[in-house]
Amino acid sequence: VAMIAAVTILLLGPSRAQSTRREKSRPALSVLVDTSESMRTEDDAGVSRLEAARRAWLSPERLTAMTQDFALELNQFDDAVRPLPRERLAGPMTELANGRFTYLMDAVNDRLSRIATGQQGAALLLLSDGRDTNDSAPQAAAALARARDLPIYSVLVGRDSFVSDVAVLGVPMQDY
């Protein structure tokens, strides 16, 4: 009987139940902020486009709320994509928006290619006035986003503005 009890205990065996609870991983949210000079343009109430974006999307409260649901990655772009430290958002926006060029589609393609493939819920949030120095077509970025199943949420900051580009040239006169 003791032998049967021992075999039964061994067959039923002391075991440890595997935890079925997994650590919830947060999907990536890549935030791409246009920091070209065009973002200095004041559209409404004397507020620059970059300041409007900061107030609406990049406030400490909003960023904290985003980190509850996402693994947040902040980047800035003009002629290249660079990390955007949160502390830079607290400073003057005129110091941040000083890029001479805006390679918008290059920046979007760069970020899309760096988000891990197959990460459910991952997305790209683009904050820009939509001006692209290269006038690149968005179809390539759209195709890449579709192929990787990554939504792009675009937030257009600012409105159409027509700024005169005036130059004064001194031209010497020729005597005939």
C-alpha atoms as a PDB file:
ATOM      1  CA  VAL A   1       0.000   0.000   0.000  1.00  0.00           C
ATOM      2  CA  ALA A   2       2.855   2.360   0.827  1.00  0.00           C
ATOM      3  CA  MET A   3       4.394   1.555  -2.520  1.00  0.00           C
ATOM      4  CA  ILE A   4       1.142   2.320  -4.355  1.00  0.00           C
ATOM      5  CA  ALA A   5       0.785   5.592  -2.455  1.00  0.00           C
ATOM      6  CA  ALA A   6       4.368   6.584  -3.337  1.00  0.00           C
ATOM      7  CA  VAL A   7       3.861   5.781  -7.028  1.00  0.00           C
ATOM      8  CA  THR A   8       0.564   7.678  -7.028  1.00  0.00           C
ATOM      9  CA  ILE A   9       2.240  10.719  -5.451  1.00  0.00           C
ATOM     10  CA  LEU A  10       5.066  10.535  -7.986  1.00  0.00           C
ATOM     11  CA  LEU A  11       2.620  10.240 -10.883  1.00  0.00           C
ATOM     12  CA  LEU A  12       0.450  13.053  -9.625  1.00  0.00           C
ATOM     13  CA  GLY A  13       3.665  14.649  -8.567  1.00  0.00           C
ATOM     14  CA  PRO A  14       4.227  17.827  -6.787  1.00  0.00           C
ATOM     15  CA  SER A  15       4.102  20.424  -9.472  1.00  0.00           C
ATOM     16  CA  ARG A  16       4.131  24.123  -9.761  1.00  0.00           C
ATOM     17  CA  ALA A  17       1.458  25.728 -11.852  1.00  0.00           C
ATOM     18  CA  GLN A  18       2.905  28.040 -14.491  1.00  0.00           C
ATOM     19  CA  SER A  19       1.687  31.546 -14.189  1.00  0.00           C
ATOM     20  CA  THR A  20      -0.654  32.357 -17.042  1.00  0.00           C
ATOM     21  CA  ARG A  21      -0.374  36.042 -16.316  1.00  0.00           C
ATOM     22  CA  ARG A  22       2.079  37.699 -18.654  1.00  0.00           C
ATOM     23  CA  GLU A  23       3.642  41.042 -18.197  1.00  0.00           C
ATOM     24  CA  LYS A  24       1.742  43.398 -20.441  1.00  0.00           C
ATOM     25  CA  SER A  25       4.098  44.909 -22.977  1.00  0.00           C
ATOM     26  CA  ARG A  26       3.249  48.307 -24.306  1.00  0.00           C
ATOM     27  CA  PRO A  27       3.274  48.902 -28.063  1.00  0.00           C
ATOM     28  CA  ALA A  28       5.705  51.443 -29.476  1.00  0.00           C
ATOM     29  CA  LEU A  29       4.541  54.953 -30.250  1.00  0.00           C
ATOM     30  CA  SER A  30       7.109  56.897 -32.215  1.00  0.00           C
ATOM     31  CA  VAL A  31       6.396  60.636 -32.035  1.00  0.00           C
ATOM     32  CA  LEU A  32       8.042  62.592 -34.836  1.00  0.00           C
ATOM     33  CA  VAL A  33       8.188  66.388 -34.319  1.00  0.00           C
ATOM     34  CA  ASP A  34       9.058  68.787 -37.138  1.00  0.00           C
ATOM     35  CA  THR A  35      11.753  71.191 -35.868  1.00  0.00           C
ATOM     36  CA  SER A  36      12.437  73.071 -39.091  1.00  0.00           C
ATOM     37  CA  GLU A  37      12.343  76.864 -39.235  1.00  0.00           C
ATOM     38  CA  SER A  38       8.870  76.817 -40.808  1.00  0.00           C
ATOM     39  CA  MET A  39       7.561  75.642 -37.427  1.00  0.00           C
ATOM     40  CA  ARG A  40       8.454  79.102 -36.046  1.00  0.00           C
ATOM     41  CA  THR A  41       5.700  80.652 -38.151  1.00  0.00           C
ATOM     42  CA  GLU A  42       3.105  82.336 -35.976  1.00  0.00           C
ATOM     43  CA  ASP A  43      -0.374  81.486 -37.180  1.00  0.00           C
ATOM     44  CA  ASP A  44      -2.894  82.276 -34.460  1.00  0.00           C
ATOM     45  CA  ALA A  45      -2.688  84.649 -31.532  1.00  0.00           C
ATOM     46  CA  GLY A  46       1.053  85.115 -31.947  1.00  0.00           C
ATOM     47  CA  VAL A  47       1.804  81.461 -31.178  1.00  0.00           C
ATOM     48  CA  SER A  48       4.291  79.540 -33.315  1.00  0.00           C
ATOM     49  CA  ARG A  49       3.333  76.248 -34.895  1.00  0.00           C
ATOM     50  CA  LEU A  50       5.804  74.391 -32.690  1.00  0.00           C
ATOM     51  CA  GLU A  51       4.424  76.060 -29.562  1.00  0.00           C
ATOM     52  CA  ALA A  52       0.895  75.075 -30.609  1.00  0.00           C
ATOM     53  CA  ALA A  53       2.079  71.474 -31.056  1.00  0.00           C
ATOM     54  CA  ARG A  54       3.763  71.551 -27.650  1.00  0.00           C
ATOM     55  CA  ARG A  55       0.637  72.839 -25.923  1.00  0.00           C
ATOM     56  CA  ALA A  56      -1.696  70.352 -27.595  1.00  0.00           C
ATOM     57  CA  TRP A  57       0.464  67.219 -27.854  1.00  0.00           C
ATOM     58  CA  LEU A  58       3.770  67.571 -26.017  1.00  0.00           C
ATOM     59  CA  SER A  59       2.813  68.903 -22.599  1.00  0.00           C
ATOM     60  CA  PRO A  60       4.210  66.953 -19.618  1.00  0.00           C
ATOM     61  CA  GLU A  61       0.688  65.794 -18.748  1.00  0.00           C
ATOM     62  CA  ARG A  62      -0.010  64.524 -22.269  1.00  0.00           C
ATOM     63  CA  LEU A  63       3.350  62.758 -22.509  1.00  0.00           C
ATOM     64  CA  THR A  64       2.786  61.089 -19.132  1.00  0.00           C
ATOM     65  CA  ALA A  65      -0.641  59.912 -20.284  1.00  0.00           C
ATOM     66  CA  MET A  66       0.876  58.504 -23.491  1.00  0.00           C
ATOM     67  CA  THR A  67       3.480  56.535 -21.528  1.00  0.00           C
ATOM     68  CA  GLN A  68       0.681  54.749 -19.663  1.00  0.00           C
ATOM     69  CA  ASP A  69      -0.328  52.959 -22.856  1.00  0.00           C
ATOM     70  CA  PHE A  70       2.755  53.135 -25.068  1.00  0.00           C
ATOM     71  CA  ALA A  71       6.505  52.736 -25.055  1.00  0.00           C
ATOM     72  CA  LEU A  72       7.036  56.340 -26.094  1.00  0.00           C
ATOM     73  CA  GLU A  73       9.889  57.435 -28.328  1.00  0.00           C
ATOM     74  CA  LEU A  74      10.275  61.171 -29.028  1.00  0.00           C
ATOM     75  CA  ASN A  75      12.195  62.277 -32.113  1.00  0.00           C
ATOM     76  CA  GLN A  76      12.712  65.566 -33.880  1.00  0.00           C
ATOM     77  CA  PHE A  77      13.488  66.043 -37.536  1.00  0.00           C
ATOM     78  CA  ASP A  78      14.510  68.647 -40.046  1.00  0.00           C
ATOM     79  CA  ASP A  79      17.323  67.501 -42.351  1.00  0.00           C
ATOM     80  CA  ALA A  80      17.866  64.416 -40.145  1.00  0.00           C
ATOM     81  CA  VAL A  81      16.044  62.482 -37.426  1.00  0.00           C
ATOM     82  CA  ARG A  82      17.406  62.893 -33.889  1.00  0.00           C
ATOM     83  CA  PRO A  83      16.160  61.912 -30.423  1.00  0.00           C
ATOM     84  CA  LEU A  84      14.155  64.655 -28.714  1.00  0.00           C
ATOM     85  CA  PRO A  85      14.850  64.751 -24.962  1.00  0.00           C
ATOM     86  CA  ARG A  86      11.800  65.807 -22.948  1.00  0.00           C
ATOM     87  CA  GLU A  87      13.742  68.550 -21.191  1.00  0.00           C
ATOM     88  CA  ARG A  88      14.234  70.312 -24.541  1.00  0.00           C
ATOM     89  CA  LEU A  89      10.465  70.707 -24.751  1.00  0.00           C
ATOM     90  CA  ALA A  90      10.538  72.903 -21.654  1.00  0.00           C
ATOM     91  CA  GLY A  91      12.869  75.441 -23.275  1.00  0.00           C
ATOM     92  CA  PRO A  92      12.148  78.161 -25.819  1.00  0.00           C
ATOM     93  CA  MET A  93      10.690  76.737 -28.998  1.00  0.00           C
ATOM     94  CA  THR A  94      12.718  79.168 -31.125  1.00  0.00           C
ATOM     95  CA  GLU A  95      15.879  77.328 -30.030  1.00  0.00           C
ATOM     96  CA  LEU A  96      14.365  73.996 -30.979  1.00  0.00           C
ATOM     97  CA  ALA A  97      13.004  74.971 -34.425  1.00  0.00           C
ATOM     98  CA  ASN A  98      16.155  75.923 -36.271  1.00  0.00           C
ATOM     99  CA  GLY A  99      16.486  73.351 -39.052  1.00  0.00           C
ATOM    100  CA  ARG A 100      17.116  74.814 -42.491  1.00  0.00           C
ATOM    101  CA  PHE A 101      15.493  71.914 -44.368  1.00  0.00           C
ATOM    102  CA  THR A 102      12.505  69.634 -43.847  1.00  0.00           C
ATOM    103  CA  TYR A 103      12.950  66.095 -45.109  1.00  0.00           C
ATOM    104  CA  LEU A 104       9.505  64.986 -44.034  1.00  0.00           C
ATOM    105  CA  MET A 105       9.091  61.768 -46.014  1.00  0.00           C
ATOM    106  CA  ASP A 106      12.682  60.701 -45.300  1.00  0.00           C
ATOM    107  CA  ALA A 107      11.962  61.097 -41.574  1.00  0.00           C
ATOM    108  CA  VAL A 108       8.700  59.140 -41.782  1.00  0.00           C
ATOM    109  CA  ASN A 109      10.381  56.306 -43.703  1.00  0.00           C
ATOM    110  CA  ASP A 110      13.232  56.258 -41.176  1.00  0.00           C
ATOM    111  CA  ARG A 111      10.886  55.912 -38.195  1.00  0.00           C
ATOM    112  CA  LEU A 112       8.636  53.345 -39.894  1.00  0.00           C
ATOM    113  CA  SER A 113      11.621  51.143 -40.677  1.00  0.00           C
ATOM    114  CA  ARG A 114      12.801  51.251 -37.051  1.00  0.00           C
ATOM    115  CA  ILE A 115       9.556  50.168 -35.390  1.00  0.00           C
ATOM    116  CA  ALA A 116       9.666  46.419 -34.745  1.00  0.00           C
ATOM    117  CA  THR A 117       7.685  44.419 -37.274  1.00  0.00           C
ATOM    118  CA  GLY A 118       4.600  42.640 -35.983  1.00  0.00           C
ATOM    119  CA  GLN A 119       4.272  44.767 -32.873  1.00  0.00           C
ATOM    120  CA  GLN A 120       0.538  44.970 -32.405  1.00  0.00           C
ATOM    121  CA  GLY A 121      -0.696  48.450 -31.548  1.00  0.00           C
ATOM    122  CA  ALA A 122       2.505  50.223 -32.620  1.00  0.00           C
ATOM    123  CA  ALA A 123       2.038  53.532 -34.422  1.00  0.00           C
ATOM    124  CA  LEU A 124       3.680  56.722 -35.645  1.00  0.00           C
ATOM    125  CA  LEU A 125       2.451  60.161 -34.550  1.00  0.00           C
ATOM    126  CA  LEU A 126       3.615  62.922 -36.897  1.00  0.00           C
ATOM    127  CA  LEU A 127       3.451  66.580 -35.780  1.00  0.00           C
ATOM    128  CA  SER A 128       4.320  68.853 -38.700  1.00  0.00           C
ATOM    129  CA  ASP A 129       3.186  71.731 -40.878  1.00  0.00           C
ATOM    130  CA  GLY A 130       3.453  69.342 -43.818  1.00  0.00           C
ATOM    131  CA  ARG A 131       6.162  71.168 -45.737  1.00  0.00           C
ATOM    132  CA  ASP A 132       8.766  68.917 -47.323  1.00  0.00           C
ATOM    133  CA  THR A 133      11.862  70.537 -48.809  1.00  0.00           C
ATOM    134  CA  ASN A 134      12.295  67.614 -51.212  1.00  0.00           C
ATOM    135  CA  ASP A 135       8.630  67.616 -52.261  1.00  0.00           C
ATOM    136  CA  SER A 136       8.781  63.830 -51.845  1.00  0.00           C
ATOM    137  CA  ALA A 137       5.630  61.904 -52.641  1.00  0.00           C
ATOM    138  CA  PRO A 138       4.040  60.157 -49.643  1.00  0.00           C
ATOM    139  CA  GLN A 139       3.169  56.956 -51.542  1.00  0.00           C
ATOM    140  CA  ALA A 140       6.388  55.140 -50.600  1.00  0.00           C
ATOM    141  CA  ALA A 141       5.870  55.864 -46.894  1.00  0.00           C
ATOM    142  CA  ALA A 142       2.214  54.856 -47.143  1.00  0.00           C
ATOM    143  CA  ALA A 143       3.158  51.573 -48.818  1.00  0.00           C
ATOM    144  CA  LEU A 144       5.756  50.854 -46.129  1.00  0.00           C
ATOM    145  CA  ALA A 145       3.267  51.647 -43.358  1.00  0.00           C
ATOM    146  CA  ARG A 146       0.648  49.416 -44.978  1.00  0.00           C
ATOM    147  CA  ALA A 147       3.119  46.557 -45.459  1.00  0.00           C
ATOM    148  CA  ARG A 148       4.213  46.752 -41.828  1.00  0.00           C
ATOM    149  CA  ASP A 149       0.645  47.296 -40.546  1.00  0.00           C
ATOM    150  CA  LEU A 150       1.644  50.561 -38.839  1.00  0.00           C
ATOM    151  CA  PRO A 151      -0.825  53.426 -38.729  1.00  0.00           C
ATOM    152  CA  ILE A 152       0.471  56.963 -39.206  1.00  0.00           C
ATOM    153  CA  TYR A 153      -1.435  59.596 -37.266  1.00  0.00           C
ATOM    154  CA  SER A 154      -0.667  62.969 -38.839  1.00  0.00           C
ATOM    155  CA  VAL A 155      -1.385  66.182 -36.980  1.00  0.00           C
ATOM    156  CA  LEU A 156      -1.166  69.213 -39.230  1.00  0.00           C
ATOM    157  CA  VAL A 157       0.046  72.210 -37.273  1.00  0.00           C
ATOM    158  CA  GLY A 158      -0.599  75.683 -38.653  1.00  0.00           C
ATOM    159  CA  ARG A 159      -2.395  76.899 -41.710  1.00  0.00           C
ATOM    160  CA  ASP A 160      -1.531  78.167 -45.153  1.00  0.00           C
ATOM    161  CA  SER A 161       0.578  81.265 -45.010  1.00  0.00           C
ATOM    162  CA  PHE A 162       2.051  83.268 -47.775  1.00  0.00           C
ATOM    163  CA  VAL A 163       5.230  84.993 -46.747  1.00  0.00           C
ATOM    164  CA  SER A 164       6.845  87.270 -49.268  1.00  0.00           C
ATOM    165  CA  ASP A 165      10.368  86.330 -50.177  1.00  0.00           C
ATOM    166  CA  VAL A 166      12.026  89.625 -50.954  1.00  0.00           C
ATOM    167  CA  ALA A 167      15.631  90.228 -51.880  1.00  0.00           C
ATOM    168  CA  VAL A 168      17.297  93.495 -52.805  1.00  0.00           C
ATOM    169  CA  LEU A 169      20.145  93.266 -55.262  1.00  0.00           C
ATOM    170  CA  GLY A 170      22.650  95.929 -56.199  1.00  0.00           C
ATOM    171  CA  VAL A 171      23.214  95.742 -59.956  1.00  0.00           C
ATOM    172  CA  PRO A 172      25.903  97.952 -61.471  1.00  0.00           C
ATOM    173  CA  MET A 173      24.792  99.938 -64.477  1.00  0.00           C
ATOM    174  CA  GLN A 174      26.624  99.562 -67.747  1.00  0.00           C
ATOM    175  CA  ASP A 175      27.562 102.602 -69.808  1.00  0.00           C
ATOM    176  CA  TYR A 176      26.774 102.284 -73.497  1.00  0.00           C
END
